Amino acid sequence: MITVGVLTISDRGARGEYEDKSGPVIRAIVTERLGARLVKYEIIPDEIELIRSTLINWADEAGLDLILTTGGTGFAPRDVTPEATRAVIERETPGLTEAMRAESLKVTPHAMLSRAVAGIRGHTLIINLPGSPKAVRENLETILPALPHGLELLQGLAGADQRHEHKEPVKE
């Protein structure tokens, strides 16, 4: 079973001034459609070091398969989620964010303002999603079909042996 963490990044949400509506959307989609188990959920402020340390903890200590962040991917001065994510990932997975932006552009030209990042830390896939519930749903549904296979590959459960096999050329 896929283990997931949902990290909502919002100054107002962390202070209790705003109800997190995007985190519950993510939870519903990943539990119902991916059959995943939500292991971690937290609302934290837009503080780069706090975001960074939470991602590291959830990936390295909790060993989550998938971390989905929501919020902090725009142009506002306090939107630092992409920077925090880049600081902790080892390999970027640009196809995921490219697909999300391409699909979102069909809905709104504002999609091109997203600075979302996705990448791998160890065996954990980390994906930045937008802050609004509507955009979270649209973006997550865009990449959802690819996630099970990607996570299997990341965990070494599918195709890993084939990747590293070396076959000698056939001699005639």
Protein backbone atom coordinates (compact mmCIF):
# COMPACT_ATOMS: atom_id res chain seq x y z
CA MET A 1 0.00 0.00 0.00
CA ILE A 2 1.22 3.46 -0.94
CA THR A 3 1.95 5.67 2.09
CA VAL A 4 1.25 9.37 1.64
CA GLY A 5 1.87 12.62 3.43
CA VAL A 6 -0.10 15.80 2.70
CA LEU A 7 1.64 19.05 3.60
CA THR A 8 -0.46 22.20 3.38
CA ILE A 9 1.66 25.34 3.27
CA SER A 10 -0.25 28.43 4.32
CA ASP A 11 0.56 31.21 6.78
CA ARG A 12 -3.13 31.85 7.49
CA GLY A 13 -3.92 28.15 7.71
CA ALA A 14 -1.09 27.55 10.16
CA ARG A 15 -2.42 30.39 12.36
CA GLY A 16 -5.94 28.90 12.27
CA GLU A 17 -7.34 31.86 10.31
CA TYR A 18 -8.16 29.78 7.24
CA GLU A 19 -9.67 26.32 6.89
CA ASP A 20 -7.55 24.01 4.77
CA LYS A 21 -9.77 22.83 1.91
CA SER A 22 -7.06 21.55 -0.42
CA GLY A 23 -5.53 19.01 1.96
CA PRO A 24 -8.84 17.13 2.35
CA VAL A 25 -9.28 17.08 -1.45
CA ILE A 26 -5.85 15.47 -1.81
CA ARG A 27 -6.63 12.98 0.94
CA ALA A 28 -9.91 11.94 -0.69
CA ILE A 29 -8.35 11.47 -4.12
CA VAL A 30 -5.32 9.46 -2.99
CA THR A 31 -7.23 7.22 -0.60
CA GLU A 32 -10.18 6.58 -2.93
CA ARG A 33 -8.46 6.49 -6.30
CA LEU A 34 -4.96 5.24 -5.41
CA GLY A 35 -5.96 3.10 -2.45
CA ALA A 36 -3.19 4.87 -0.54
CA ARG A 37 -2.95 5.33 3.21
CA LEU A 38 -2.56 8.85 4.58
CA VAL A 39 0.17 8.65 7.20
CA LYS A 40 1.08 12.31 7.71
CA TYR A 41 -0.91 15.52 7.43
CA GLU A 42 0.19 18.93 8.62
CA ILE A 43 -0.45 22.62 8.00
CA ILE A 44 2.66 24.78 8.27
CA PRO A 45 3.51 28.41 7.43
CA ASP A 46 5.41 29.53 4.33
CA GLU A 47 8.82 29.19 6.01
CA ILE A 48 11.48 27.66 3.78
CA GLU A 49 13.43 25.92 6.56
CA LEU A 50 10.29 24.45 8.13
CA ILE A 51 9.07 23.16 4.76
CA ARG A 52 12.51 21.74 4.02
CA SER A 53 12.88 20.00 7.39
CA THR A 54 9.35 18.57 7.21
CA LEU A 55 9.97 17.12 3.73
CA ILE A 56 13.27 15.60 4.87
CA ASN A 57 11.67 14.10 7.99
CA TRP A 58 8.73 12.64 6.12
CA ALA A 59 10.94 11.17 3.39
CA ASP A 60 13.89 9.96 5.46
CA GLU A 61 12.42 9.20 8.88
CA ALA A 62 8.80 8.32 8.10
CA GLY A 63 9.77 6.67 4.80
CA LEU A 64 6.70 7.87 2.94
CA ASP A 65 6.26 6.79 -0.67
CA LEU A 66 4.60 10.03 -1.76
CA ILE A 67 4.49 13.56 -0.35
CA LEU A 68 2.00 15.99 -1.85
CA THR A 69 2.31 19.65 -0.92
CA THR A 70 -0.37 22.23 -1.53
CA GLY A 71 0.23 25.97 -1.57
CA GLY A 72 3.17 28.31 -1.90
CA THR A 73 3.89 27.75 -5.61
CA GLY A 74 2.95 31.17 -7.00
CA PHE A 75 4.61 34.55 -7.37
CA ALA A 76 3.89 36.00 -3.92
CA PRO A 77 7.05 36.90 -1.98
CA ARG A 78 6.29 34.26 0.70
CA ASP A 79 5.66 31.47 -1.85
CA VAL A 80 8.79 29.39 -1.21
CA THR A 81 7.56 25.81 -1.57
CA PRO A 82 9.45 25.18 -4.86
CA GLU A 83 12.71 26.46 -3.36
CA ALA A 84 12.31 24.26 -0.29
CA THR A 85 11.48 21.27 -2.46
CA ARG A 86 14.46 21.80 -4.77
CA ALA A 87 16.71 21.98 -1.71
CA VAL A 88 15.74 18.44 -0.63
CA ILE A 89 15.18 16.45 -3.83
CA GLU A 90 17.96 14.50 -5.49
CA ARG A 91 16.37 14.21 -8.94
CA GLU A 92 13.67 16.35 -10.56
CA THR A 93 10.70 14.78 -12.33
CA PRO A 94 9.75 17.58 -14.71
CA GLY A 95 7.25 15.53 -16.73
CA LEU A 96 4.80 15.62 -13.83
CA THR A 97 4.81 19.40 -13.48
CA GLU A 98 4.86 19.88 -17.25
CA ALA A 99 1.75 17.71 -17.57
CA MET A 100 -0.02 19.58 -14.77
CA ARG A 101 0.74 22.98 -16.28
CA ALA A 102 -0.21 21.88 -19.80
CA GLU A 103 -3.58 20.55 -18.66
CA SER A 104 -4.23 23.58 -16.44
CA LEU A 105 -3.51 25.94 -19.33
CA LYS A 106 -6.63 24.55 -20.99
CA VAL A 107 -8.59 26.00 -18.05
CA THR A 108 -6.76 29.24 -17.24
CA PRO A 109 -3.81 31.26 -18.57
CA HIS A 110 -2.75 31.74 -14.94
CA ALA A 111 -1.45 28.16 -14.97
CA MET A 112 1.74 29.39 -16.57
CA LEU A 113 2.46 31.29 -13.34
CA SER A 114 2.86 28.04 -11.38
CA ARG A 115 6.38 27.39 -10.14
CA ALA A 116 5.53 23.88 -8.88
CA VAL A 117 8.35 21.34 -8.66
CA ALA A 118 8.32 17.55 -8.45
CA GLY A 119 11.20 15.27 -7.63
CA ILE A 120 12.65 12.27 -5.87
CA ARG A 121 14.40 12.04 -2.52
CA GLY A 122 15.58 8.52 -1.82
CA HIS A 123 12.51 6.36 -2.46
CA THR A 124 10.04 9.22 -1.93
CA LEU A 125 8.29 11.17 -4.67
CA ILE A 126 7.55 14.79 -3.70
CA ILE A 127 5.07 16.80 -5.77
CA ASN A 128 4.04 20.45 -5.33
CA LEU A 129 0.37 21.13 -6.05
CA PRO A 130 -1.37 24.52 -6.22
CA GLY A 131 -3.21 25.99 -3.24
CA SER A 132 -6.80 26.09 -4.44
CA PRO A 133 -9.01 23.00 -4.07
CA LYS A 134 -10.18 23.24 -7.70
CA ALA A 135 -6.61 23.44 -9.04
CA VAL A 136 -5.46 20.67 -6.68
CA ARG A 137 -8.17 18.36 -8.05
CA GLU A 138 -7.40 19.22 -11.70
CA ASN A 139 -3.64 18.81 -11.27
CA LEU A 140 -3.77 15.63 -9.23
CA GLU A 141 -6.24 13.99 -11.61
CA THR A 142 -3.88 14.82 -14.50
CA ILE A 143 -0.92 12.93 -13.01
CA LEU A 144 -2.83 10.24 -11.11
CA PRO A 145 -2.72 7.62 -13.90
CA ALA A 146 1.11 7.67 -13.94
CA LEU A 147 1.69 7.64 -10.17
CA PRO A 148 1.24 3.92 -9.36
CA HIS A 149 3.77 2.84 -11.98
CA GLY A 150 6.19 5.62 -11.08
CA LEU A 151 6.01 4.70 -7.40
CA GLU A 152 6.51 1.01 -8.19
CA LEU A 153 9.63 1.86 -10.15
CA LEU A 154 10.87 4.10 -7.37
CA GLN A 155 10.36 1.35 -4.79
CA GLY A 156 12.09 -1.18 -7.05
CA LEU A 157 8.92 -3.24 -7.43
CA ALA A 158 8.59 -3.09 -11.22
CA GLY A 159 11.15 -3.08 -13.95
CA ALA A 160 14.15 -2.46 -11.71
CA ASP A 161 15.80 -5.78 -12.54
CA GLN A 162 15.29 -5.24 -16.26
CA ARG A 163 16.93 -1.83 -16.11
CA HIS A 164 20.15 -3.20 -14.69
CA GLU A 165 20.37 -6.42 -16.65
CA HIS A 166 23.28 -6.61 -18.99
CA LYS A 167 22.95 -9.08 -21.81
CA GLU A 168 25.87 -10.21 -23.86
CA PRO A 169 25.43 -9.81 -27.58
CA VAL A 170 24.46 -13.01 -29.36
CA LYS A 171 27.43 -14.47 -31.23
CA GLU A 172 26.68 -16.06 -34.55
